[in-house]
Amino acid sequence: MTKSMTKPKKATETGRTPMDSALRYLGARARTVREVERHLDSCEYGEVEVYETVERLKELGLLDDVAFATEFVRTRLATKPISRAQLREQLLSHETDQEAIEQALSQIDEETQQQTAIATAEKYVRQYARLGQDERDEMVIRRLLSRGYSYDEARAALREAAQETEE
């Protein structure tokens, strides 16, 4: 074992070690490496302590940006589908590593993007069914644009969704 692995970590005034603080922080939900680093910095641990703690969490498999990004994309597509562009923005807001973002987004091909847009459009077509067709179409397009789909993707999804609901 290396010296840093056997040496006890300094505890703050609260009596928590950096590892304790990190594990508590990770208990709420998965986090990125940078989020954990920022949290430990805010707890006023030293740079070396933060680095050692993050590296140990990586070794233990408790901190992995690729796994975080992949699960984030999978969950978002299953619960509230949004475009690749918006997924990228959300992952960047979590300060996810660029390489992890690219790897996670590689699972979304054009067909998947189109299918999520259509499924979302179908939901909104049903939701706005009481409106006139022009007003409904405008609302559906707006909602798709707000989820990061391009205008062309939104129009194509609306066309497909409108055909599905008419059948």
Foldseek 3Di string as FASTA:
>chain_A
DDPVVPDDADADPVRDGLLRQLVVVCVVDQAALVVSLVSSVVVVGDPVSSVVNSVVCVVVVRHDLLVVLLVQQVVCLVPPDFALVVSLVVSVVSVGDPVSSVNNSVVQDPVNRLVSLLVQLLVQCVVCVVDDPVVSLVVQLVVRVVRPDDSVSNVVSNVVSVVVVVD
